[in-house]
PDB file of N, CA and C in Angstrom:
ATOM      1  N   UNK A   1      41.068 129.029 158.016  1.00  0.00           N
ATOM      2  CA  UNK A   1      41.700 127.923 158.678  1.00  0.00           C
ATOM      3  C   UNK A   1      41.929 128.207 160.108  1.00  0.00           C
ATOM      4  N   UNK A   2      41.574 127.233 160.988  1.00  0.00           N
ATOM      5  CA  UNK A   2      41.731 127.420 162.469  1.00  0.00           C
ATOM      6  C   UNK A   2      43.298 127.205 162.771  1.00  0.00           C
ATOM      7  N   UNK A   3      43.639 127.819 163.727  1.00  0.00           N
ATOM      8  CA  UNK A   3      45.108 127.682 164.226  1.00  0.00           C
ATOM      9  C   UNK A   3      45.053 126.669 165.279  1.00  0.00           C
ATOM     10  N   UNK A   4      44.918 125.380 164.791  1.00  0.00           N
ATOM     11  CA  UNK A   4      44.887 124.235 165.809  1.00  0.00           C
ATOM     12  C   UNK A   4      45.842 123.155 165.120  1.00  0.00           C
ATOM     13  N   UNK A   5      46.788 122.522 166.027  1.00  0.00           N
ATOM     14  CA  UNK A   5      47.492 121.471 165.597  1.00  0.00           C
ATOM     15  C   UNK A   5      46.624 120.344 165.305  1.00  0.00           C
ATOM     16  N   UNK A   6      46.863 119.515 164.111  1.00  0.00           N
ATOM     17  CA  UNK A   6      46.042 118.537 163.680  1.00  0.00           C
ATOM     18  C   UNK A   6      46.309 117.103 164.556  1.00  0.00           C
ATOM     19  N   UNK A   7      47.630 117.111 165.156  1.00  0.00           N
ATOM     20  CA  UNK A   7      48.021 116.039 166.022  1.00  0.00           C
ATOM     21  C   UNK A   7      47.668 116.134 167.425  1.00  0.00           C
ATOM     22  N   UNK A   8      48.090 117.182 168.110  1.00  0.00           N
ATOM     23  CA  UNK A   8      48.000 117.417 169.457  1.00  0.00           C
ATOM     24  C   UNK A   8      46.759 118.112 169.908  1.00  0.00           C
ATOM     25  N   UNK A   9      46.173 118.882 168.939  1.00  0.00           N
ATOM     26  CA  UNK A   9      45.054 119.701 169.390  1.00  0.00           C
ATOM     27  C   UNK A   9      45.438 121.092 170.077  1.00  0.00           C
ATOM     28  N   UNK A  10      46.738 121.330 169.939  1.00  0.00           N
ATOM     29  CA  UNK A  10      47.274 122.575 170.582  1.00  0.00           C
ATOM     30  C   UNK A  10      46.520 123.946 169.748  1.00  0.00           C
ATOM     31  N   UNK A  11      45.963 124.808 170.595  1.00  0.00           N
ATOM     32  CA  UNK A  11      45.208 125.927 170.098  1.00  0.00           C
ATOM     33  C   UNK A  11      45.833 127.298 170.557  1.00  0.00           C
ATOM     34  N   UNK A  12      45.097 128.282 170.088  1.00  0.00           N
ATOM     35  CA  UNK A  12      45.521 129.618 170.315  1.00  0.00           C
ATOM     36  C   UNK A  12      45.240 129.836 171.991  1.00  0.00           C
ATOM     37  N   UNK A  13      46.191 130.431 172.697  1.00  0.00           N
ATOM     38  CA  UNK A  13      45.887 130.793 173.989  1.00  0.00           C
ATOM     39  C   UNK A  13      45.894 132.213 174.327  1.00  0.00           C
ATOM     40  N   UNK A  14      45.291 132.796 175.380  1.00  0.00           N
ATOM     41  CA  UNK A  14      45.212 134.165 175.455  1.00  0.00           C
ATOM     42  C   UNK A  14      45.999 134.590 176.908  1.00  0.00           C
ATOM     43  N   UNK A  15      46.346 135.749 177.016  1.00  0.00           N
ATOM     44  CA  UNK A  15      47.101 136.236 178.235  1.00  0.00           C
ATOM     45  C   UNK A  15      47.151 137.761 178.213  1.00  0.00           C
ATOM     46  N   UNK A  16      48.072 138.293 178.942  1.00  0.00           N
ATOM     47  CA  UNK A  16      48.386 139.622 179.051  1.00  0.00           C
ATOM     48  C   UNK A  16      49.658 140.072 178.657  1.00  0.00           C
ATOM     49  N   UNK A  17      49.817 141.185 177.900  1.00  0.00           N
ATOM     50  CA  UNK A  17      51.144 141.870 177.825  1.00  0.00           C
ATOM     51  C   UNK A  17      51.256 142.644 179.058  1.00  0.00           C
ATOM     52  N   UNK A  18      52.317 142.608 179.902  1.00  0.00           N
ATOM     53  CA  UNK A  18      52.439 143.448 181.119  1.00  0.00           C
ATOM     54  C   UNK A  18      53.571 144.374 180.948  1.00  0.00           C
ATOM     55  N   UNK A  19      53.229 145.659 180.920  1.00  0.00           N
ATOM     56  CA  UNK A  19      54.284 146.608 180.679  1.00  0.00           C
ATOM     57  C   UNK A  19      55.088 146.846 181.952  1.00  0.00           C
ATOM     58  N   UNK A  20      56.214 147.763 181.929  1.00  0.00           N
ATOM     59  CA  UNK A  20      56.917 147.964 183.043  1.00  0.00           C
ATOM     60  C   UNK A  20      56.158 148.698 184.163  1.00  0.00           C
ATOM     61  N   UNK A  21      55.242 149.515 183.858  1.00  0.00           N
ATOM     62  CA  UNK A  21      54.235 150.025 184.842  1.00  0.00           C
ATOM     63  C   UNK A  21      53.101 149.085 185.229  1.00  0.00           C
ATOM     64  N   UNK A  22      53.188 147.826 184.722  1.00  0.00           N
ATOM     65  CA  UNK A  22      52.167 146.827 185.204  1.00  0.00           C
ATOM     66  C   UNK A  22      50.783 147.216 184.547  1.00  0.00           C
ATOM     67  N   UNK A  23      50.796 147.896 183.397  1.00  0.00           N
ATOM     68  CA  UNK A  23      49.583 148.033 182.658  1.00  0.00           C
ATOM     69  C   UNK A  23      49.348 146.666 181.849  1.00  0.00           C
ATOM     70  N   UNK A  24      48.089 146.165 181.927  1.00  0.00           N
ATOM     71  CA  UNK A  24      47.775 144.908 181.394  1.00  0.00           C
ATOM     72  C   UNK A  24      46.957 144.967 180.121  1.00  0.00           C
ATOM     73  N   UNK A  25      47.407 144.478 179.049  1.00  0.00           N
ATOM     74  CA  UNK A  25      46.570 144.492 177.688  1.00  0.00           C
ATOM     75  C   UNK A  25      46.464 143.061 177.205  1.00  0.00           C
ATOM     76  N   UNK A  26      45.379 142.678 176.884  1.00  0.00           N
ATOM     77  CA  UNK A  26      45.111 141.202 176.298  1.00  0.00           C
ATOM     78  C   UNK A  26      45.925 141.033 174.996  1.00  0.00           C
ATOM     79  N   UNK A  27      46.394 139.796 174.933  1.00  0.00           N
ATOM     80  CA  UNK A  27      47.167 139.385 173.706  1.00  0.00           C
ATOM     81  C   UNK A  27      46.844 137.930 173.494  1.00  0.00           C
ATOM     82  N   UNK A  28      47.250 137.335 172.405  1.00  0.00           N
ATOM     83  CA  UNK A  28      47.122 135.912 171.830  1.00  0.00           C
ATOM     84  C   UNK A  28      48.352 135.450 171.745  1.00  0.00           C
ATOM     85  N   UNK A  29      48.423 134.146 172.199  1.00  0.00           N
ATOM     86  CA  UNK A  29      49.615 133.340 172.137  1.00  0.00           C
ATOM     87  C   UNK A  29      49.317 132.358 170.941  1.00  0.00           C
ATOM     88  N   UNK A  30      50.027 132.463 169.855  1.00  0.00           N
ATOM     89  CA  UNK A  30      49.688 131.543 168.644  1.00  0.00           C
ATOM     90  C   UNK A  30      50.562 130.315 168.751  1.00  0.00           C
ATOM     91  N   UNK A  31      50.026 129.167 168.384  1.00  0.00           N
ATOM     92  CA  UNK A  31      50.923 127.842 168.366  1.00  0.00           C
ATOM     93  C   UNK A  31      51.850 127.986 167.113  1.00  0.00           C
ATOM     94  N   UNK A  32      53.012 127.471 167.398  1.00  0.00           N
ATOM     95  CA  UNK A  32      53.880 127.447 166.215  1.00  0.00           C
ATOM     96  C   UNK A  32      53.670 126.358 165.147  1.00  0.00           C
ATOM     97  N   UNK A  33      52.783 126.639 164.305  1.00  0.00           N
ATOM     98  CA  UNK A  33      52.196 125.690 163.353  1.00  0.00           C
ATOM     99  C   UNK A  33      53.134 125.753 162.138  1.00  0.00           C
ATOM    100  N   UNK A  34      53.390 124.546 161.477  1.00  0.00           N
ATOM    101  CA  UNK A  34      54.120 124.328 160.365  1.00  0.00           C
ATOM    102  C   UNK A  34      53.341 123.309 159.378  1.00  0.00           C
ATOM    103  N   UNK A  35      53.547 123.458 158.152  1.00  0.00           N
ATOM    104  CA  UNK A  35      52.942 122.363 157.154  1.00  0.00           C
ATOM    105  C   UNK A  35      53.997 121.340 157.099  1.00  0.00           C
ATOM    106  N   UNK A  36      53.820 120.165 157.400  1.00  0.00           N
ATOM    107  CA  UNK A  36      54.882 119.106 157.430  1.00  0.00           C
ATOM    108  C   UNK A  36      54.272 117.958 156.645  1.00  0.00           C
ATOM    109  N   UNK A  37      55.083 117.320 155.825  1.00  0.00           N
ATOM    110  CA  UNK A  37      54.750 116.117 155.084  1.00  0.00           C
ATOM    111  C   UNK A  37      55.406 114.863 155.745  1.00  0.00           C
ATOM    112  N   UNK A  38      54.583 114.015 156.290  1.00  0.00           N
ATOM    113  CA  UNK A  38      55.037 112.971 157.115  1.00  0.00           C
ATOM    114  C   UNK A  38      54.819 111.615 156.248  1.00  0.00           C
ATOM    115  N   UNK A  39      55.601 110.688 156.644  1.00  0.00           N
ATOM    116  CA  UNK A  39      55.450 109.400 155.806  1.00  0.00           C
ATOM    117  C   UNK A  39      54.912 108.392 156.719  1.00  0.00           C
ATOM    118  N   UNK A  40      53.782 107.687 156.212  1.00  0.00           N
ATOM    119  CA  UNK A  40      53.189 106.807 157.031  1.00  0.00           C
ATOM    120  C   UNK A  40      53.748 105.408 156.480  1.00  0.00           C
ATOM    121  N   UNK A  41      54.409 104.587 157.492  1.00  0.00           N
ATOM    122  CA  UNK A  41      55.130 103.391 157.035  1.00  0.00           C
ATOM    123  C   UNK A  41      54.002 102.254 156.596  1.00  0.00           C
ATOM    124  N   UNK A  42      52.922 102.264 157.463  1.00  0.00           N
ATOM    125  CA  UNK A  42      51.905 101.261 157.237  1.00  0.00           C
ATOM    126  C   UNK A  42      51.224 101.345 155.781  1.00  0.00           C
ATOM    127  N   UNK A  43      50.918 102.619 155.522  1.00  0.00           N
ATOM    128  CA  UNK A  43      50.190 102.979 154.391  1.00  0.00           C
ATOM    129  C   UNK A  43      51.072 103.231 153.117  1.00  0.00           C
ATOM    130  N   UNK A  44      52.237 103.292 153.216  1.00  0.00           N
ATOM    131  CA  UNK A  44      53.194 103.390 152.308  1.00  0.00           C
ATOM    132  C   UNK A  44      52.905 104.719 151.492  1.00  0.00           C
ATOM    133  N   UNK A  45      52.624 105.824 152.096  1.00  0.00           N
ATOM    134  CA  UNK A  45      52.453 107.066 151.439  1.00  0.00           C
ATOM    135  C   UNK A  45      52.808 108.257 152.282  1.00  0.00           C
ATOM    136  N   UNK A  46      52.908 109.374 151.724  1.00  0.00           N
ATOM    137  CA  UNK A  46      53.215 110.480 152.541  1.00  0.00           C
ATOM    138  C   UNK A  46      51.825 111.270 152.784  1.00  0.00           C
ATOM    139  N   UNK A  47      51.757 112.054 154.002  1.00  0.00           N
ATOM    140  CA  UNK A  47      50.589 112.833 154.340  1.00  0.00           C
ATOM    141  C   UNK A  47      51.127 114.298 154.694  1.00  0.00           C
ATOM    142  N   UNK A  48      50.317 115.216 154.207  1.00  0.00           N
ATOM    143  CA  UNK A  48      50.582 116.575 154.546  1.00  0.00           C
ATOM    144  C   UNK A  48      49.642 116.979 155.817  1.00  0.00           C
ATOM    145  N   UNK A  49      50.191 117.501 156.921  1.00  0.00           N
ATOM    146  CA  UNK A  49      49.519 117.806 157.984  1.00  0.00           C
ATOM    147  C   UNK A  49      49.903 119.291 158.468  1.00  0.00           C
ATOM    148  N   UNK A  50      49.103 120.037 159.065  1.00  0.00           N
ATOM    149  CA  UNK A  50      49.458 121.258 159.728  1.00  0.00           C
ATOM    150  C   UNK A  50      49.606 121.158 161.210  1.00  0.00           C
ATOM    151  N   UNK A  51      50.818 120.938 161.576  1.00  0.00           N
ATOM    152  CA  UNK A  51      51.059 120.493 163.018  1.00  0.00           C
ATOM    153  C   UNK A  51      52.109 121.486 163.656  1.00  0.00           C
ATOM    154  N   UNK A  52      52.054 121.508 165.080  1.00  0.00           N
ATOM    155  CA  UNK A  52      52.960 122.382 165.758  1.00  0.00           C
ATOM    156  C   UNK A  52      54.349 121.623 165.797  1.00  0.00           C
ATOM    157  N   UNK A  53      55.384 122.604 165.971  1.00  0.00           N
ATOM    158  CA  UNK A  53      56.678 121.880 166.125  1.00  0.00           C
ATOM    159  C   UNK A  53      56.909 121.061 167.311  1.00  0.00           C
ATOM    160  N   UNK A  54      56.222 121.125 168.260  1.00  0.00           N
ATOM    161  CA  UNK A  54      56.066 120.182 169.407  1.00  0.00           C
ATOM    162  C   UNK A  54      55.668 118.779 168.931  1.00  0.00           C
ATOM    163  N   UNK A  55      54.704 118.697 168.119  1.00  0.00           N
ATOM    164  CA  UNK A  55      54.032 117.606 167.624  1.00  0.00           C
ATOM    165  C   UNK A  55      55.153 117.004 166.704  1.00  0.00           C
ATOM    166  N   UNK A  56      55.879 117.734 165.823  1.00  0.00           N
ATOM    167  CA  UNK A  56      56.841 117.179 165.035  1.00  0.00           C
ATOM    168  C   UNK A  56      57.966 116.511 165.905  1.00  0.00           C
ATOM    169  N   UNK A  57      58.266 117.022 166.959  1.00  0.00           N
ATOM    170  CA  UNK A  57      59.191 116.362 167.781  1.00  0.00           C
ATOM    171  C   UNK A  57      58.664 115.089 168.390  1.00  0.00           C
ATOM    172  N   UNK A  58      57.325 115.120 168.735  1.00  0.00           N
ATOM    173  CA  UNK A  58      56.649 113.914 169.292  1.00  0.00           C
ATOM    174  C   UNK A  58      56.617 112.797 168.219  1.00  0.00           C
ATOM    175  N   UNK A  59      56.501 113.093 166.941  1.00  0.00           N
ATOM    176  CA  UNK A  59      56.474 112.057 165.997  1.00  0.00           C
ATOM    177  C   UNK A  59      57.920 111.506 165.881  1.00  0.00           C
ATOM    178  N   UNK A  60      58.868 112.200 166.105  1.00  0.00           N
ATOM    179  CA  UNK A  60      60.258 111.780 165.911  1.00  0.00           C
ATOM    180  C   UNK A  60      60.475 110.910 167.209  1.00  0.00           C
ATOM    181  N   UNK A  61      60.006 111.319 168.354  1.00  0.00           N
ATOM    182  CA  UNK A  61      60.194 110.595 169.726  1.00  0.00           C
ATOM    183  C   UNK A  61      59.438 109.184 169.648  1.00  0.00           C
ATOM    184  N   UNK A  62      58.285 109.120 169.027  1.00  0.00           N
ATOM    185  CA  UNK A  62      57.548 107.905 168.996  1.00  0.00           C
ATOM    186  C   UNK A  62      57.862 106.987 167.774  1.00  0.00           C
ATOM    187  N   UNK A  63      58.949 107.270 167.143  1.00  0.00           N
ATOM    188  CA  UNK A  63      59.257 106.470 166.048  1.00  0.00           C
ATOM    189  C   UNK A  63      58.427 106.355 164.787  1.00  0.00           C
ATOM    190  N   UNK A  64      57.830 107.512 164.375  1.00  0.00           N
ATOM    191  CA  UNK A  64      57.093 107.641 163.214  1.00  0.00           C
ATOM    192  C   UNK A  64      55.622 108.120 163.570  1.00  0.00           C
ATOM    193  N   UNK A  65      54.972 108.454 162.492  1.00  0.00           N
ATOM    194  CA  UNK A  65      53.566 109.145 162.439  1.00  0.00           C
ATOM    195  C   UNK A  65      52.647 107.926 163.001  1.00  0.00           C
ATOM    196  N   UNK A  66      52.811 106.700 162.562  1.00  0.00           N
ATOM    197  CA  UNK A  66      51.899 105.547 162.922  1.00  0.00           C
ATOM    198  C   UNK A  66      51.856 105.267 164.242  1.00  0.00           C
ATOM    199  N   UNK A  67      52.888 105.350 164.967  1.00  0.00           N
ATOM    200  CA  UNK A  67      52.892 104.977 166.432  1.00  0.00           C
ATOM    201  C   UNK A  67      52.251 106.133 167.228  1.00  0.00           C
ATOM    202  N   UNK A  68      52.548 107.304 166.898  1.00  0.00           N
ATOM    203  CA  UNK A  68      52.029 108.476 167.464  1.00  0.00           C
ATOM    204  C   UNK A  68      50.437 108.573 167.284  1.00  0.00           C
ATOM    205  N   UNK A  69      50.053 108.286 166.194  1.00  0.00           N
ATOM    206  CA  UNK A  69      48.615 108.169 165.884  1.00  0.00           C
ATOM    207  C   UNK A  69      48.023 107.155 166.811  1.00  0.00           C
ATOM    208  N   UNK A  70      48.501 106.116 166.665  1.00  0.00           N
ATOM    209  CA  UNK A  70      47.866 104.937 167.522  1.00  0.00           C
ATOM    210  C   UNK A  70      47.818 105.200 168.990  1.00  0.00           C
ATOM    211  N   UNK A  71      48.651 105.958 169.462  1.00  0.00           N
ATOM    212  CA  UNK A  71      48.768 106.216 170.937  1.00  0.00           C
ATOM    213  C   UNK A  71      47.926 107.414 171.402  1.00  0.00           C
ATOM    214  N   UNK A  72      47.591 108.412 170.389  1.00  0.00           N
ATOM    215  CA  UNK A  72      46.926 109.563 170.700  1.00  0.00           C
ATOM    216  C   UNK A  72      45.300 109.335 170.723  1.00  0.00           C
ATOM    217  N   UNK A  73      44.827 109.948 171.673  1.00  0.00           N
ATOM    218  CA  UNK A  73      43.330 109.905 171.862  1.00  0.00           C
ATOM    219  C   UNK A  73      42.585 110.592 170.801  1.00  0.00           C
ATOM    220  N   UNK A  74      41.465 110.043 170.332  1.00  0.00           N
ATOM    221  CA  UNK A  74      40.752 110.423 169.071  1.00  0.00           C
ATOM    222  C   UNK A  74      40.173 111.830 169.345  1.00  0.00           C
ATOM    223  N   UNK A  75      39.954 112.204 170.556  1.00  0.00           N
ATOM    224  CA  UNK A  75      39.433 113.612 170.811  1.00  0.00           C
ATOM    225  C   UNK A  75      40.285 114.692 170.596  1.00  0.00           C
ATOM    226  N   UNK A  76      41.742 114.478 170.590  1.00  0.00           N
ATOM    227  CA  UNK A  76      42.761 115.457 170.428  1.00  0.00           C
ATOM    228  C   UNK A  76      43.036 115.558 168.826  1.00  0.00           C
ATOM    229  N   UNK A  77      42.793 114.502 168.066  1.00  0.00           N
ATOM    230  CA  UNK A  77      43.055 114.581 166.604  1.00  0.00           C
ATOM    231  C   UNK A  77      41.956 115.441 165.860  1.00  0.00           C
ATOM    232  N   UNK A  78      42.404 115.785 164.724  1.00  0.00           N
ATOM    233  CA  UNK A  78      41.574 116.467 163.693  1.00  0.00           C
ATOM    234  C   UNK A  78      40.784 115.447 162.932  1.00  0.00           C
ATOM    235  N   UNK A  79      39.773 115.951 162.138  1.00  0.00           N
ATOM    236  CA  UNK A  79      39.100 114.836 161.349  1.00  0.00           C
ATOM    237  C   UNK A  79      40.009 114.157 160.342  1.00  0.00           C
ATOM    238  N   UNK A  80      40.879 114.827 159.888  1.00  0.00           N
ATOM    239  CA  UNK A  80      41.955 114.349 158.812  1.00  0.00           C
ATOM    240  C   UNK A  80      42.790 113.245 159.387  1.00  0.00           C
ATOM    241  N   UNK A  81      43.217 113.561 160.591  1.00  0.00           N
ATOM    242  CA  UNK A  81      44.220 112.625 161.433  1.00  0.00           C
ATOM    243  C   UNK A  81      43.410 111.567 161.957  1.00  0.00           C
ATOM    244  N   UNK A  82      42.227 111.639 162.419  1.00  0.00           N
ATOM    245  CA  UNK A  82      41.314 110.680 162.871  1.00  0.00           C
ATOM    246  C   UNK A  82      41.072 109.633 161.630  1.00  0.00           C
ATOM    247  N   UNK A  83      40.840 110.057 160.554  1.00  0.00           N
ATOM    248  CA  UNK A  83      40.616 109.221 159.461  1.00  0.00           C
ATOM    249  C   UNK A  83      41.896 108.392 158.975  1.00  0.00           C
ATOM    250  N   UNK A  84      43.051 109.002 159.114  1.00  0.00           N
ATOM    251  CA  UNK A  84      44.370 108.443 158.837  1.00  0.00           C
ATOM    252  C   UNK A  84      44.554 107.295 159.900  1.00  0.00           C
ATOM    253  N   UNK A  85      44.279 107.509 161.176  1.00  0.00           N
ATOM    254  CA  UNK A  85      44.317 106.592 162.227  1.00  0.00           C
ATOM    255  C   UNK A  85      43.485 105.318 162.066  1.00  0.00           C
ATOM    256  N   UNK A  86      42.391 105.603 161.388  1.00  0.00           N
ATOM    257  CA  UNK A  86      41.258 104.532 161.275  1.00  0.00           C
ATOM    258  C   UNK A  86      41.908 103.643 160.002  1.00  0.00           C
ATOM    259  N   UNK A  87      42.385 104.319 159.031  1.00  0.00           N
ATOM    260  CA  UNK A  87      43.138 103.564 157.802  1.00  0.00           C
ATOM    261  C   UNK A  87      44.372 102.688 158.433  1.00  0.00           C
ATOM    262  N   UNK A  88      45.030 103.198 159.236  1.00  0.00           N
ATOM    263  CA  UNK A  88      46.186 102.436 159.668  1.00  0.00           C
ATOM    264  C   UNK A  88      45.760 101.310 160.557  1.00  0.00           C
ATOM    265  N   UNK A  89      44.819 101.514 161.476  1.00  0.00           N
ATOM    266  CA  UNK A  89      44.272 100.383 162.188  1.00  0.00           C
ATOM    267  C   UNK A  89      43.726  99.362 161.373  1.00  0.00           C
ATOM    268  N   UNK A  90      42.996  99.796 160.301  1.00  0.00           N
ATOM    269  CA  UNK A  90      42.473  98.677 159.385  1.00  0.00           C
ATOM    270  C   UNK A  90      43.470  97.967 158.582  1.00  0.00           C
ATOM    271  N   UNK A  91      44.545  98.491 158.205  1.00  0.00           N
ATOM    272  CA  UNK A  91      45.666  97.964 157.489  1.00  0.00           C
ATOM    273  C   UNK A  91      46.373  97.009 158.363  1.00  0.00           C
ATOM    274  N   UNK A  92      46.587  97.455 159.524  1.00  0.00           N
ATOM    275  CA  UNK A  92      47.426  96.672 160.469  1.00  0.00           C
ATOM    276  C   UNK A  92      46.619  95.325 160.824  1.00  0.00           C
ATOM    277  N   UNK A  93      45.283  95.528 161.099  1.00  0.00           N
ATOM    278  CA  UNK A  93      44.427  94.415 161.288  1.00  0.00           C
ATOM    279  C   UNK A  93      44.286  93.293 160.176  1.00  0.00           C
ATOM    280  N   UNK A  94      44.365  93.874 159.034  1.00  0.00           N
ATOM    281  CA  UNK A  94      44.215  93.080 157.814  1.00  0.00           C
ATOM    282  C   UNK A  94      45.666  92.291 157.417  1.00  0.00           C
ATOM    283  N   UNK A  95      46.752  92.894 157.927  1.00  0.00           N
ATOM    284  CA  UNK A  95      48.104  92.283 157.918  1.00  0.00           C
ATOM    285  C   UNK A  95      48.192  91.263 158.884  1.00  0.00           C
ATOM    286  N   UNK A  96      47.679  91.496 160.125  1.00  0.00           N
ATOM    287  CA  UNK A  96      47.733  90.549 161.170  1.00  0.00           C
ATOM    288  C   UNK A  96      46.955  89.234 160.902  1.00  0.00           C
ATOM    289  N   UNK A  97      45.647  89.405 160.127  1.00  0.00           N
ATOM    290  CA  UNK A  97      44.973  88.255 160.087  1.00  0.00           C
ATOM    291  C   UNK A  97      45.372  87.393 158.882  1.00  0.00           C
TER     292      UNK A  97
END
């Protein structure tokens, strides 16, 4: 399983450990991923996603999962999140009509 946030697309980054003597060795910076169960208000069900803690804060800031998904670009979303976004759009369109 890749270490990528399903909502924001945050991935592993690389950099250097720098010692006191300025010796540089390569290292990896891993995203802080957690398994979160979020509730979709439009679909009336819960969804389990592997997201970063930054994305979890973004969900709360945007007043829920549905609003965040509708605002987020499809290229940053995982396949599972993109499918969820499509379902939400379809249900909102059906409710409006």
